[in-house]
Protein backbone atom coordinates (compact mmCIF):
# COMPACT_ATOMS: atom_id res chain seq x y z
CA MET A 1 9.90 49.91 -78.90
CA ASN A 2 10.83 50.88 -75.38
CA HIS A 3 7.41 52.49 -74.88
CA ASN A 4 5.62 49.32 -76.02
CA GLN A 5 7.80 47.13 -73.83
CA ALA A 6 7.02 49.32 -70.80
CA SER A 7 3.31 49.14 -71.54
CA VAL A 8 3.45 45.36 -71.76
CA ASN A 9 5.34 45.16 -68.48
CA SER A 10 2.80 47.44 -66.81
CA ASN A 11 -0.13 45.36 -68.02
CA THR A 12 1.59 42.17 -66.93
CA GLN A 13 2.18 43.53 -63.44
CA GLU A 14 -1.42 44.67 -63.16
CA ASP A 15 -2.64 41.24 -64.23
CA PHE A 16 -0.33 39.58 -61.75
CA ASP A 17 -1.51 41.83 -58.93
CA GLU A 18 -5.14 41.22 -59.85
CA ILE A 19 -4.67 37.46 -59.98
CA THR A 20 -2.81 37.52 -56.67
CA GLN A 21 -5.63 39.51 -55.12
CA GLN A 22 -8.21 37.05 -56.46
CA ILE A 23 -6.19 34.18 -55.01
CA ARG A 24 -6.15 35.91 -51.62
CA VAL A 25 -9.90 36.49 -51.78
CA LEU A 26 -10.53 32.87 -52.74
CA GLN A 27 -8.16 31.62 -50.01
CA SER A 28 -9.90 33.83 -47.49
CA SER A 29 -13.23 32.53 -48.65
CA GLN A 30 -11.89 28.98 -48.49
CA ASP A 31 -10.60 29.55 -44.95
CA GLU A 32 -13.94 31.01 -43.95
CA LEU A 33 -15.70 28.09 -45.59
CA SER A 34 -13.43 25.60 -43.76
CA ARG A 35 -14.14 27.31 -40.46
CA SER A 36 -17.85 27.24 -41.17
CA ILE A 37 -17.67 23.56 -42.08
CA ARG A 38 -15.71 22.77 -38.93
CA ASN A 39 -18.18 24.68 -36.77
CA LEU A 40 -21.08 22.86 -38.40
CA GLN A 41 -19.30 19.54 -37.93
CA VAL A 42 -18.76 20.30 -34.23
CA ARG A 43 -22.44 21.23 -33.82
CA ALA A 44 -23.49 18.08 -35.69
CA ALA A 45 -21.18 15.95 -33.53
CA ARG A 46 -22.62 17.49 -30.35
CA ILE A 47 -26.16 16.79 -31.52
CA GLN A 48 -25.16 13.24 -32.43
CA ASN A 49 -23.43 12.74 -29.05
CA GLN A 50 -26.52 13.98 -27.26
CA LYS A 51 -28.45 11.08 -28.75
CA ALA A 52 -26.12 8.55 -27.08
CA ALA A 53 -27.35 7.04 -23.84
CA VAL A 54 -24.12 7.96 -22.00
CA SER A 55 -24.77 11.66 -22.76
CA ARG A 56 -28.05 11.51 -20.89
CA ILE A 57 -26.35 10.56 -17.61
CA PRO A 58 -26.99 13.38 -15.11
CA SER A 59 -23.94 15.47 -14.30
CA ASP A 60 -23.93 14.49 -10.62
CA VAL A 61 -23.98 10.78 -11.51
CA LEU A 62 -21.27 11.29 -14.11
CA SER A 63 -19.15 13.04 -11.48
CA MET A 64 -19.51 10.02 -9.19
CA ILE A 65 -18.46 7.71 -12.04
CA PHE A 66 -15.40 9.89 -12.67
CA GLU A 67 -14.44 9.65 -9.00
CA GLU A 68 -14.72 5.84 -9.12
CA CYS A 69 -12.48 5.81 -12.21
CA ARG A 70 -9.88 7.83 -10.33
CA GLN A 71 -10.03 5.53 -7.31
CA LEU A 72 -9.69 2.40 -9.48
CA ASN A 73 -6.72 3.79 -11.45
CA PRO A 74 -3.92 4.60 -8.98
CA GLN A 75 -1.26 6.74 -10.56
CA TRP A 76 1.71 4.43 -11.09
CA SER A 77 4.05 7.19 -12.15
CA GLY A 78 6.67 4.95 -13.75
CA ILE A 79 4.13 3.33 -16.05
CA LEU A 80 2.57 6.67 -16.94
CA PHE A 81 5.96 8.04 -17.96
CA LEU A 82 6.79 4.99 -20.05
CA LEU A 83 3.46 4.97 -21.87
CA HIS A 84 3.28 8.77 -22.19
CA GLN A 85 -0.20 8.44 -20.76
CA SER A 86 -2.01 11.29 -19.07
CA PRO A 87 -3.64 10.76 -15.67
CA VAL A 88 -7.17 9.40 -15.75
CA GLU A 89 -8.73 12.74 -14.75
CA VAL A 90 -7.09 14.47 -17.72
CA ARG A 91 -8.21 11.75 -20.12
CA LEU A 92 -11.78 11.95 -18.84
CA SER A 93 -11.80 15.70 -19.44
CA HIS A 94 -10.84 15.18 -23.13
CA VAL A 95 -13.74 12.94 -24.18
CA SER A 96 -16.37 15.56 -24.93
CA SER A 97 -17.31 19.11 -24.01
CA HIS A 98 -19.94 17.81 -21.57
CA TRP A 99 -17.48 15.46 -19.89
CA ARG A 100 -14.92 18.24 -19.71
CA GLU A 101 -17.42 20.57 -18.09
CA VAL A 102 -18.32 17.92 -15.52
CA ALA A 103 -14.65 17.04 -14.89
CA LEU A 104 -13.60 20.64 -14.37
CA THR A 105 -16.46 21.21 -11.92
CA SER A 106 -15.62 18.07 -9.88
CA PRO A 107 -12.99 19.28 -7.38
CA SER A 108 -12.36 15.84 -5.87
CA LEU A 109 -11.21 14.57 -9.28
CA TRP A 110 -8.12 16.81 -9.00
CA SER A 111 -7.38 16.15 -5.34
CA SER A 112 -4.38 13.76 -5.76
CA ILE A 113 -1.06 15.62 -5.78
CA HIS A 114 2.23 13.88 -6.61
CA TYR A 115 5.22 16.21 -6.41
CA PRO A 116 7.81 16.66 -7.84
CA PHE A 117 7.69 13.92 -10.53
CA SER A 118 4.10 13.53 -11.68
CA HIS A 119 3.22 17.20 -11.23
CA LYS A 120 5.63 19.96 -12.12
CA GLU A 121 5.06 23.51 -10.91
CA ASP A 122 2.56 24.55 -13.62
CA SER A 123 0.40 21.44 -13.39
CA LEU A 124 0.64 21.53 -9.60
CA MET A 125 -0.86 25.02 -9.50
CA GLU A 126 -3.58 23.98 -11.97
CA TYR A 127 -4.50 20.95 -9.86
CA LEU A 128 -4.64 23.06 -6.70
CA LYS A 129 -6.90 25.51 -8.52
CA ARG A 130 -9.22 22.84 -9.92
CA SER A 131 -9.46 21.02 -6.58
CA ASP A 132 -11.26 24.17 -5.38
CA GLY A 133 -11.03 23.71 -1.64
CA SER A 134 -11.58 19.92 -1.53
CA LEU A 135 -9.45 17.71 0.72
CA LEU A 136 -6.12 16.65 -0.79
CA ASP A 137 -4.13 13.38 -0.92
CA VAL A 138 -0.51 14.51 -1.23
CA TYR A 139 2.57 12.42 -2.08
CA ILE A 140 5.87 14.30 -1.78
CA GLY A 141 8.89 12.44 -3.09
CA PRO A 142 11.09 10.65 -3.72
CA TRP A 143 12.50 13.75 -2.05
CA ARG A 144 16.00 15.06 -2.54
CA GLN A 145 17.28 18.43 -1.41
CA HIS A 146 17.13 20.99 -4.23
CA PRO A 147 16.48 24.77 -3.93
CA GLN A 148 13.81 24.90 -6.65
CA ILE A 149 11.63 22.05 -5.37
CA GLU A 150 12.09 23.26 -1.78
CA HIS A 151 10.82 26.67 -2.91
CA VAL A 152 7.73 25.09 -4.51
CA LEU A 153 7.07 23.01 -1.39
CA THR A 154 7.31 26.00 0.94
CA ASN A 155 5.50 28.60 -1.16
CA ILE A 156 2.94 26.63 -3.19
CA ILE A 157 2.17 23.35 -1.41
CA LEU A 158 2.51 24.21 2.28
CA PRO A 159 -0.13 27.01 2.25
CA HIS A 160 -2.69 24.29 1.35
CA LEU A 161 -1.74 22.13 4.38
CA PRO A 162 -5.12 22.79 6.08
CA ARG A 163 -6.69 20.84 3.19
CA PHE A 164 -4.42 17.78 3.48
CA ARG A 165 -6.35 14.59 4.18
CA GLN A 166 -3.49 12.17 3.45
CA LEU A 167 0.23 12.88 3.38
CA VAL A 168 3.09 10.63 2.23
CA LEU A 169 6.65 11.88 2.79
CA ASP A 170 9.14 9.80 0.80
CA ALA A 171 12.85 10.68 1.09
CA VAL A 172 15.87 9.22 -0.69
CA SER A 173 18.25 9.54 2.28
CA ARG A 174 18.22 10.23 6.00
CA GLU A 175 19.57 13.75 5.36
CA ALA A 176 16.78 14.47 2.88
CA LEU A 177 14.24 13.01 5.30
CA ALA A 178 15.43 15.30 8.11
CA SER A 179 15.08 18.31 5.82
CA LEU A 180 11.62 17.24 4.67
CA LEU A 181 10.34 16.58 8.20
CA ALA A 182 11.62 19.98 9.37
CA THR A 183 9.29 21.65 6.86
CA PHE A 184 6.27 20.15 8.63
CA ARG A 185 7.42 20.80 12.19
CA ASN A 186 5.82 24.03 13.44
CA VAL A 187 2.55 23.78 11.53
CA SER A 188 -0.94 22.40 12.06
CA ALA A 189 -2.82 19.88 9.92
CA PRO A 190 -6.46 20.21 10.97
CA ALA A 191 -7.89 17.80 8.35
CA LEU A 192 -5.07 15.24 8.17
CA THR A 193 -6.19 11.65 8.86
CA ARG A 194 -3.38 9.49 7.37
CA LEU A 195 0.40 9.93 7.48
CA ARG A 196 3.16 7.82 5.89
CA VAL A 197 6.85 8.62 6.38
CA MET A 198 9.26 6.65 4.18
CA CYS A 199 13.04 6.64 3.78
CA ARG A 200 13.74 4.22 0.93
CA GLY A 201 17.13 5.35 -0.33
CA PRO A 202 20.58 3.93 0.50
CA MET A 203 21.61 4.31 4.15
CA SER A 204 25.20 5.54 4.19
CA THR A 205 25.32 6.26 7.94
CA ALA A 206 24.86 3.57 10.58
CA GLY A 207 22.52 3.87 13.54
CA PRO A 208 18.89 4.81 14.07
CA ILE A 209 17.29 7.58 12.06
CA ALA A 210 17.04 10.76 14.14
CA SER A 211 13.66 11.46 15.70
CA ALA A 212 11.69 14.51 14.63
CA LYS A 213 8.67 16.46 15.81
CA LEU A 214 5.78 16.97 13.41
CA PHE A 215 2.68 19.17 13.48
CA THR A 216 3.51 20.73 16.85
CA LYS A 217 0.47 23.01 16.42
CA GLY A 218 -1.85 20.02 16.18
CA ALA A 219 -3.27 17.26 13.96
CA PRO A 220 -6.52 16.41 15.77
CA LEU A 221 -8.05 14.07 13.15
CA LEU A 222 -4.98 11.88 12.61
CA SER A 223 -6.07 8.22 12.76
CA ASP A 224 -3.50 6.14 10.80
CA VAL A 225 0.30 6.60 11.03
CA ARG A 226 2.93 4.48 9.21
CA LEU A 227 6.63 5.17 9.88
CA ASP A 228 9.91 3.79 8.49
CA SER A 229 12.06 3.17 11.60
CA VAL A 230 11.88 6.83 12.52
CA ALA A 231 10.51 8.02 15.84
CA VAL A 232 8.20 10.81 14.73
CA ILE A 233 7.03 12.76 17.76
CA LEU A 234 3.43 13.86 17.25
CA PRO A 235 1.13 15.85 19.51
CA LYS A 236 -1.40 13.88 21.53
CA THR A 237 -3.70 12.19 19.05
CA GLU A 238 -6.64 9.81 18.97
CA ALA A 239 -5.02 7.82 16.16
CA LYS A 240 -6.00 4.15 16.21
CA THR A 241 -3.32 2.66 13.90
CA LEU A 242 0.48 2.82 14.10
CA HIS A 243 3.04 0.93 12.00
CA PHE A 244 6.82 0.86 12.36
CA CYS A 245 8.19 -0.43 9.04
CA PRO A 246 11.80 -1.33 8.24
CA PRO A 247 13.59 0.60 5.48
CA PRO A 248 15.48 -1.49 2.91
CA GLY A 249 19.02 -2.54 3.65
CA PRO A 250 20.68 -3.26 7.01
CA PRO A 251 18.38 -2.89 10.05
CA PHE A 252 18.76 0.29 12.10
CA PRO A 253 17.14 -0.43 15.47
CA LEU A 254 14.84 2.03 17.18
CA THR A 255 15.98 2.85 20.68
CA ARG A 256 13.46 2.05 23.41
CA GLU A 257 13.56 5.67 24.56
CA LYS A 258 12.60 6.99 21.11
CA LEU A 259 9.98 4.29 20.70
CA PHE A 260 8.49 5.28 24.06
CA ARG A 261 8.43 8.98 23.09
CA ALA A 262 6.83 8.22 19.72
CA MET A 263 4.13 5.95 21.16
CA SER A 264 3.28 8.27 24.03
CA ALA A 265 1.17 10.30 21.59
CA PHE A 266 -1.17 7.33 20.99
CA PRO A 267 -3.13 6.65 24.19
CA PHE A 268 -6.09 5.20 22.25
CA LEU A 269 -4.10 2.94 19.93
CA ARG A 270 -5.98 -0.13 18.68
CA ARG A 271 -3.68 -1.53 15.94
CA LEU A 272 0.11 -1.72 16.26
CA HIS A 273 2.43 -3.28 13.66
CA VAL A 274 6.07 -3.57 14.77
CA LYS A 275 8.32 -4.53 11.85
CA SER A 276 11.40 -2.44 12.76
CA ALA A 277 14.21 -3.73 14.94
CA ILE A 278 14.20 -2.50 18.55
CA GLU A 279 17.47 -1.89 20.35
CA LEU A 280 18.17 -4.41 23.11
CA ASN A 281 20.30 -2.36 25.48
CA ASN A 282 19.17 0.86 27.09
CA VAL A 283 21.05 3.23 29.37
CA ALA A 284 18.19 3.77 31.81
CA PRO A 285 15.45 1.22 32.58
CA ILE A 286 12.17 2.02 30.85
CA PRO A 287 8.92 0.38 31.94
CA PRO A 288 6.75 -1.32 29.31
CA ILE A 289 4.49 0.99 27.34
CA LEU A 290 0.96 0.34 28.58
CA LEU A 291 -1.54 0.02 25.71
CA PRO A 292 -4.89 -0.83 27.32
CA SER A 293 -6.90 -0.04 24.16
CA LEU A 294 -4.77 -2.17 21.82
CA ARG A 295 -6.72 -4.90 20.05
CA GLU A 296 -4.40 -5.99 17.21
CA LEU A 297 -0.65 -6.55 17.42
CA VAL A 298 1.59 -7.62 14.54
CA VAL A 299 5.21 -8.45 15.43
CA HIS A 300 7.80 -9.33 12.77
CA GLY A 301 10.92 -11.33 13.42
CA LEU A 302 13.08 -8.30 12.66
CA ALA A 303 11.59 -6.50 15.67
CA VAL A 304 12.98 -9.14 18.05
CA SER A 305 16.12 -9.97 16.06
CA THR A 306 18.24 -8.06 18.58
CA GLY A 307 17.14 -10.52 21.29
CA ILE A 308 14.63 -8.20 22.90
CA ARG A 309 11.34 -9.63 24.21
CA ILE A 310 8.44 -7.69 22.72
CA PHE A 311 6.31 -7.87 25.85
CA ASP A 312 9.13 -6.29 27.85
CA VAL A 313 8.60 -3.26 25.62
CA ILE A 314 4.80 -3.06 25.48
CA SER A 315 1.98 -4.25 27.71
CA THR A 316 -1.22 -5.34 25.93
CA PRO A 317 -3.66 -6.75 28.49
CA ASN A 318 -6.74 -6.62 26.23
CA ILE A 319 -5.32 -7.80 22.91
CA GLU A 320 -7.72 -9.70 20.61
CA SER A 321 -5.56 -10.44 17.52
CA LEU A 322 -1.88 -11.44 17.51
CA TYR A 323 0.18 -11.89 14.32
CA LEU A 324 3.68 -13.37 14.61
CA VAL A 325 5.59 -13.08 11.32
CA ASP A 326 8.86 -14.63 10.15
CA MET A 327 10.12 -15.77 13.56
CA ASN A 328 12.45 -18.61 14.49
CA CYS A 329 11.56 -21.22 17.10
CA SER A 330 13.43 -19.50 19.96
CA ALA A 331 11.51 -16.24 19.45
CA ILE A 332 8.20 -18.12 19.27
CA SER A 333 9.06 -20.11 22.41
CA ALA A 334 9.90 -16.91 24.31
CA ILE A 335 6.55 -15.36 23.40
CA HIS A 336 4.64 -18.53 24.28
CA ARG A 337 6.47 -18.71 27.61
CA PHE A 338 5.54 -15.13 28.48
CA MET A 339 1.89 -15.70 27.53
CA THR A 340 1.77 -18.83 29.67
CA GLN A 341 3.29 -17.08 32.66
CA SER A 342 0.83 -14.19 32.29
CA TYR A 343 -2.18 -16.47 32.84
CA PRO A 344 -4.81 -15.54 34.00
CA ASP A 345 -4.03 -11.81 34.04
CA ALA A 346 -3.51 -11.28 30.30
CA PHE A 347 -4.38 -12.69 26.86
CA GLN A 348 -7.80 -13.85 28.02
CA SER A 349 -9.41 -11.77 25.25
CA LEU A 350 -7.19 -13.22 22.51
CA GLN A 351 -9.38 -14.55 19.68
CA VAL A 352 -7.21 -14.48 16.55
CA LEU A 353 -3.75 -16.08 16.52
CA ARG A 354 -1.76 -16.12 13.30
CA TYR A 355 1.71 -17.51 12.61
CA ILE A 356 3.19 -16.52 9.24
CA LYS A 357 6.44 -18.17 8.13
CA CYS A 358 7.26 -19.15 11.72
CA GLU A 359 9.18 -22.11 13.14
CA PHE A 360 8.12 -24.15 16.17
CA SER A 361 10.22 -26.18 18.62
CA GLU A 362 9.48 -29.79 19.42
CA ASP A 363 9.09 -29.21 23.17
CA MET A 364 6.01 -26.99 22.99
CA ASP A 365 4.27 -26.35 26.31
CA ILE A 366 0.67 -27.52 26.37
CA HIS A 367 -0.04 -24.95 29.09
CA PHE A 368 0.15 -22.33 26.35
CA LEU A 369 -3.19 -23.65 25.08
CA ARG A 370 -4.66 -23.34 28.58
CA ALA A 371 -3.40 -19.75 28.88
CA THR A 372 -5.24 -18.65 25.70
CA PRO A 373 -8.74 -20.16 25.99
CA GLY A 374 -10.53 -17.64 23.77
CA VAL A 375 -8.73 -18.45 20.49
CA SER A 376 -11.35 -18.93 17.76
CA GLN A 377 -9.27 -18.32 14.60
CA LEU A 378 -5.89 -19.93 13.95
CA LEU A 379 -3.54 -19.42 11.03
CA VAL A 380 -0.52 -21.71 10.98
CA PRO A 381 2.07 -22.75 8.37
CA VAL A 382 2.17 -26.33 7.12
CA ASP A 383 5.66 -27.85 7.27
CA LYS A 384 7.28 -31.22 7.90
CA THR A 385 6.85 -31.03 11.69
CA ASN A 386 3.46 -29.36 12.33
CA TYR A 387 4.32 -29.24 16.04
CA LEU A 388 1.50 -26.84 16.96
CA ILE A 389 -1.19 -28.85 15.15
CA ARG A 390 0.21 -32.05 16.65
CA MET A 391 0.05 -30.58 20.17
CA LEU A 392 -3.52 -29.45 19.54
CA VAL A 393 -4.56 -32.92 18.29
CA ASN A 394 -2.92 -34.63 21.29
CA SER A 395 -4.64 -32.27 23.74
CA ASP A 396 -7.99 -33.01 22.03
CA LYS A 397 -7.36 -36.74 22.46
CA GLN A 398 -6.66 -36.27 26.17
CA ALA A 399 -9.84 -34.21 26.53
CA ALA A 400 -11.86 -36.97 24.85
CA ILE A 401 -10.36 -39.62 27.16
CA HIS A 402 -11.15 -37.62 30.31
CA GLY A 403 -14.53 -36.38 29.08
CA CYS A 404 -13.68 -32.68 29.43
CA PRO A 405 -13.80 -29.72 26.99
CA PRO A 406 -10.78 -29.09 24.74
CA LEU A 407 -8.19 -26.50 25.74
CA TRP A 408 -9.20 -24.26 22.82
CA PRO A 409 -12.98 -24.69 23.15
CA GLU A 410 -13.82 -21.71 20.90
CA LEU A 411 -11.66 -22.70 17.93
CA ARG A 412 -13.80 -22.66 14.78
CA THR A 413 -11.66 -21.52 11.84
CA VAL A 414 -8.23 -22.83 10.86
CA THR A 415 -6.22 -21.40 7.97
CA LEU A 416 -3.24 -23.37 6.68
CA HIS A 417 -0.35 -21.70 4.87
CA THR A 418 0.96 -24.16 2.30
CA HIS A 419 3.97 -22.31 0.87
CA GLU A 420 6.44 -24.99 2.08
CA TYR A 421 4.26 -28.00 1.39
CA CYS A 422 5.07 -30.37 -1.48
CA ALA A 423 2.04 -32.26 -2.72
CA GLN A 424 2.24 -35.99 -3.22
CA VAL A 425 2.64 -37.44 -6.69
CA VAL A 426 -0.82 -37.86 -8.17
CA GLY A 427 -2.13 -40.41 -10.61
CA ALA A 428 -4.25 -40.04 -13.71
CA GLY A 429 -7.37 -39.37 -11.64
CA GLY A 430 -5.81 -36.34 -9.93
CA VAL A 431 -5.47 -38.13 -6.57
CA PRO A 432 -2.43 -39.56 -4.74
CA ASP A 433 -1.27 -43.03 -5.81
CA ASP A 434 -0.69 -44.19 -2.22
CA GLU A 435 -2.03 -43.55 1.28
CA PRO A 436 -2.57 -40.03 2.68
CA SER A 437 0.57 -38.29 3.90
CA PRO A 438 1.25 -37.84 7.64
CA THR A 439 0.23 -34.19 7.32
CA MET A 440 -3.13 -35.14 5.84
CA ASN A 441 -3.69 -37.80 8.50
CA LEU A 442 -2.94 -35.23 11.18
CA LEU A 443 -5.44 -32.75 9.75
CA GLN A 444 -8.10 -35.44 9.47
CA GLU A 445 -7.50 -36.30 13.14
CA LEU A 446 -8.00 -32.63 14.01
CA VAL A 447 -11.31 -32.50 12.12
CA THR A 448 -12.70 -35.77 13.53
CA GLY A 449 -11.40 -35.09 17.06
CA ARG A 450 -13.20 -31.76 17.21
CA LYS A 451 -16.43 -33.44 16.11
CA VAL A 452 -16.08 -36.08 18.82
CA LEU A 453 -15.67 -33.34 21.45
CA GLY A 454 -18.80 -31.57 20.21
CA ARG A 455 -16.74 -28.53 19.09
CA PRO A 456 -16.52 -29.05 15.30
CA LEU A 457 -14.53 -26.70 13.11
CA SER A 458 -16.74 -24.49 10.95
CA LYS A 459 -14.20 -23.88 8.16
CA LEU A 460 -10.77 -24.95 7.00
CA SER A 461 -8.99 -22.51 4.66
CA PHE A 462 -5.92 -23.09 2.48
CA LYS A 463 -3.70 -20.18 1.56
CA GLY A 464 -0.45 -19.92 -0.34
CA PRO A 465 1.06 -20.80 -3.74
CA ASN A 466 0.34 -24.54 -3.23
CA ALA A 467 -3.16 -24.09 -1.81
CA GLY A 468 -4.94 -25.71 -4.77
CA PRO A 469 -3.02 -29.03 -4.84
CA PHE A 470 -3.05 -29.14 -1.03
CA SER A 471 -6.83 -28.74 -0.99
CA ASN A 472 -7.28 -31.51 -3.60
CA GLU A 473 -5.13 -33.92 -1.59
CA PHE A 474 -6.92 -33.08 1.65
CA HIS A 475 -10.37 -33.62 0.13
CA TRP A 476 -9.27 -36.96 -1.32
CA GLY A 477 -8.30 -38.19 2.14
CA LEU A 478 -11.39 -36.66 3.74
CA ASN A 479 -13.69 -38.42 1.26
CA ARG A 480 -11.97 -41.73 2.02
CA ALA A 481 -12.69 -41.16 5.72
CA LYS A 482 -16.28 -40.17 4.85
CA GLU A 483 -15.92 -36.87 6.71
CA PHE A 484 -17.01 -33.39 5.69
CA ILE A 485 -15.95 -29.85 6.55
CA SER A 486 -16.47 -26.55 4.77
CA THR A 487 -13.25 -25.51 3.02
CA GLU A 488 -11.95 -22.50 1.14
CA VAL A 489 -8.97 -21.89 -1.14
CA VAL A 490 -7.79 -18.30 -0.76
CA SER A 491 -6.06 -16.80 -3.80
CA CYS A 492 -4.32 -13.45 -4.10
CA GLN A 493 -2.07 -11.94 -6.77
CA ILE A 494 -0.05 -9.87 -4.30
CA THR A 495 2.56 -12.04 -2.57
CA ALA A 496 2.71 -9.97 0.60
CA LEU A 497 -1.05 -10.25 1.02
CA LEU A 498 -1.00 -13.94 0.19
CA TYR A 499 1.21 -14.62 3.21
CA ASP A 500 -1.23 -12.61 5.35
CA GLY A 501 1.39 -10.89 7.44
CA GLY A 502 -1.09 -8.40 8.83
CA GLN A 503 -1.14 -6.52 5.53
CA GLU A 504 -4.09 -5.15 3.63
CA TYR A 505 -4.55 -3.63 0.22
CA ASP A 506 -5.02 -0.10 1.47
CA TRP A 507 -3.81 3.44 0.91
CA ALA A 508 -0.32 2.72 2.28
CA VAL A 509 0.20 -0.25 -0.07
CA VAL A 510 -0.82 1.96 -3.01
CA ALA A 511 1.62 4.66 -1.88
CA GLU A 512 4.50 2.21 -1.55
CA ALA A 513 3.71 0.71 -4.97
CA TYR A 514 3.78 4.19 -6.48
CA GLY A 515 7.19 4.90 -4.96
CA MET A 516 8.54 1.53 -6.08
CA GLN A 517 7.31 1.99 -9.67
CA LEU A 518 8.75 5.50 -9.79
CA ARG A 519 12.14 4.39 -8.50
CA GLN A 520 12.27 1.57 -11.03
CA PHE A 521 11.52 4.03 -13.81
CA LEU A 522 14.16 6.51 -12.61
CA GLN A 523 16.74 3.71 -12.49
CA GLN A 524 15.85 2.77 -16.07
CA VAL A 525 16.21 6.41 -17.15
CA GLN A 526 19.57 6.66 -15.40
CA GLY A 527 20.76 3.50 -17.16
CA ILE A 528 19.68 4.87 -20.56
CA ARG A 529 21.44 8.18 -19.86
CA GLN A 530 24.67 6.36 -19.02
CA GLN A 531 24.46 4.32 -22.22
CA LEU A 532 23.73 7.38 -24.35
CA ALA A 533 26.54 9.35 -22.74
CA THR A 534 29.07 6.97 -24.32
CA ILE A 535 27.87 7.69 -27.88
CA LEU A 536 26.54 11.27 -27.81
CA PRO A 537 28.64 14.44 -28.14
CA PRO A 538 29.97 15.86 -24.86
CA ASN A 539 27.89 19.05 -25.21
CA PHE A 540 24.61 17.21 -25.84
CA SER A 541 21.74 18.38 -23.57
CA PHE A 542 19.43 15.78 -22.12
CA GLN A 543 16.79 18.49 -21.72
CA GLN A 544 15.67 17.66 -25.28
CA LEU A 545 14.72 14.17 -24.10
CA ARG A 546 12.88 15.33 -20.99
CA ARG A 547 10.34 17.69 -22.55
CA ARG A 548 6.80 16.70 -21.80
CA VAL A 549 3.47 18.42 -21.31
CA ASP A 550 3.07 18.90 -17.56
CA ALA A 551 -0.02 21.10 -17.20
CA PRO A 552 -3.39 19.37 -17.68
CA ALA A 553 -5.11 20.65 -20.81
């Protein structure tokens, strides 16, 4: 009985082992079959993809298309985090094997570096490797002092400084900014063309931000510099553009001495935007900074808010474009008075004159028009007074009476900012129910007066949130008077550009938008963390919520 039972058990075990072995063989065969099917499917998909027209695009053309995609998709870091969306270059490399091959062999596609938030250490090193010697656009910030990220900056990023084409330094405090600027002090940047220095965090200490020297070993190609109320001392450069921008919060004026030291490196400056406050008092007298090559000057009201007169600080004998932004009537009057007194030694080359959100006094001096005879383009806000337009119309009437040319004989283009204008109530036909408003009558007098003098305006542009209704009302009155002039309604989705305060949609605007989006996202994350901290256990680690794939696949 025991012998038979043992025999049965032995046979059962042998059968079990044999069946198990057969299962393994079949599973192995099935795995091999699945792999074979997958390989065949991949080959079939590649053959099918090759039939598509997009697959026949030459690799060099496809590389150019990829670069356009990267340029048209700026990396708004906050949005990318929220949507868990990879950068455009990574997504392009995941479409097909051919696209991946082209993407990985296109160094410029990987030339945008954003540290420390968009690119952690691993992905940073991969991007630097894939960029393969191409010029780099580098955004560092929002920067806060931390040993690990300082180590990465010094040992991984800084050795590639000779490849930097564009550099944005964005700090969260003046202390962090001083630390960040010190890193770039005793180095050279042979390929750098654009520099932006920002300090957009809370200012806990009053007074101007300390000046700092940068690139003491040279930055010969530097052409465009934008600074946040910090006097960065650069080596002599042929840079053509310089901006002084105000950081958020209370104004911290630049001292005239630091401004003089900062601008002494720009002997060939052509475009200067002064938006930061300038200190009124100075210990020692400093002569005006002579800028003979300057062609465009933009002055914001904040720059003269301390009571300083801008032309006591700088001398611009050959200026062609002047933007005055957000100034009260006393500041405008002071500038007009200086320009009038400078006649005929200065401002004779002035062609473009733009007032953005400015106020005018009633007692405007008509000699200002005589002192600026070359003005051909005028941008002026429309308000209830329209003192400048009224003075221009009255001077045209006097010229017509005396049979002489107008005081602005070259004026051809007038742009009207309509942000403070309230259109008249319109009837069912989309036109005013009553007579034209005083503003419209004044503009019609300007148009007809210029025609009478033989110096007709070539174009009248309307800009601002009320530009459309303003244009409709103007054309209604113009048709009644049986007059004609070419007109244009300028529209723009970006408010700052709509007001035309000397701003353009350029690399610096993109950089500031990136920083703003990122800060908004970090504030949202901080708010969520504070809410979760009230309901989660004390020992809970937020590292579980921060895991994400950093290196590009």
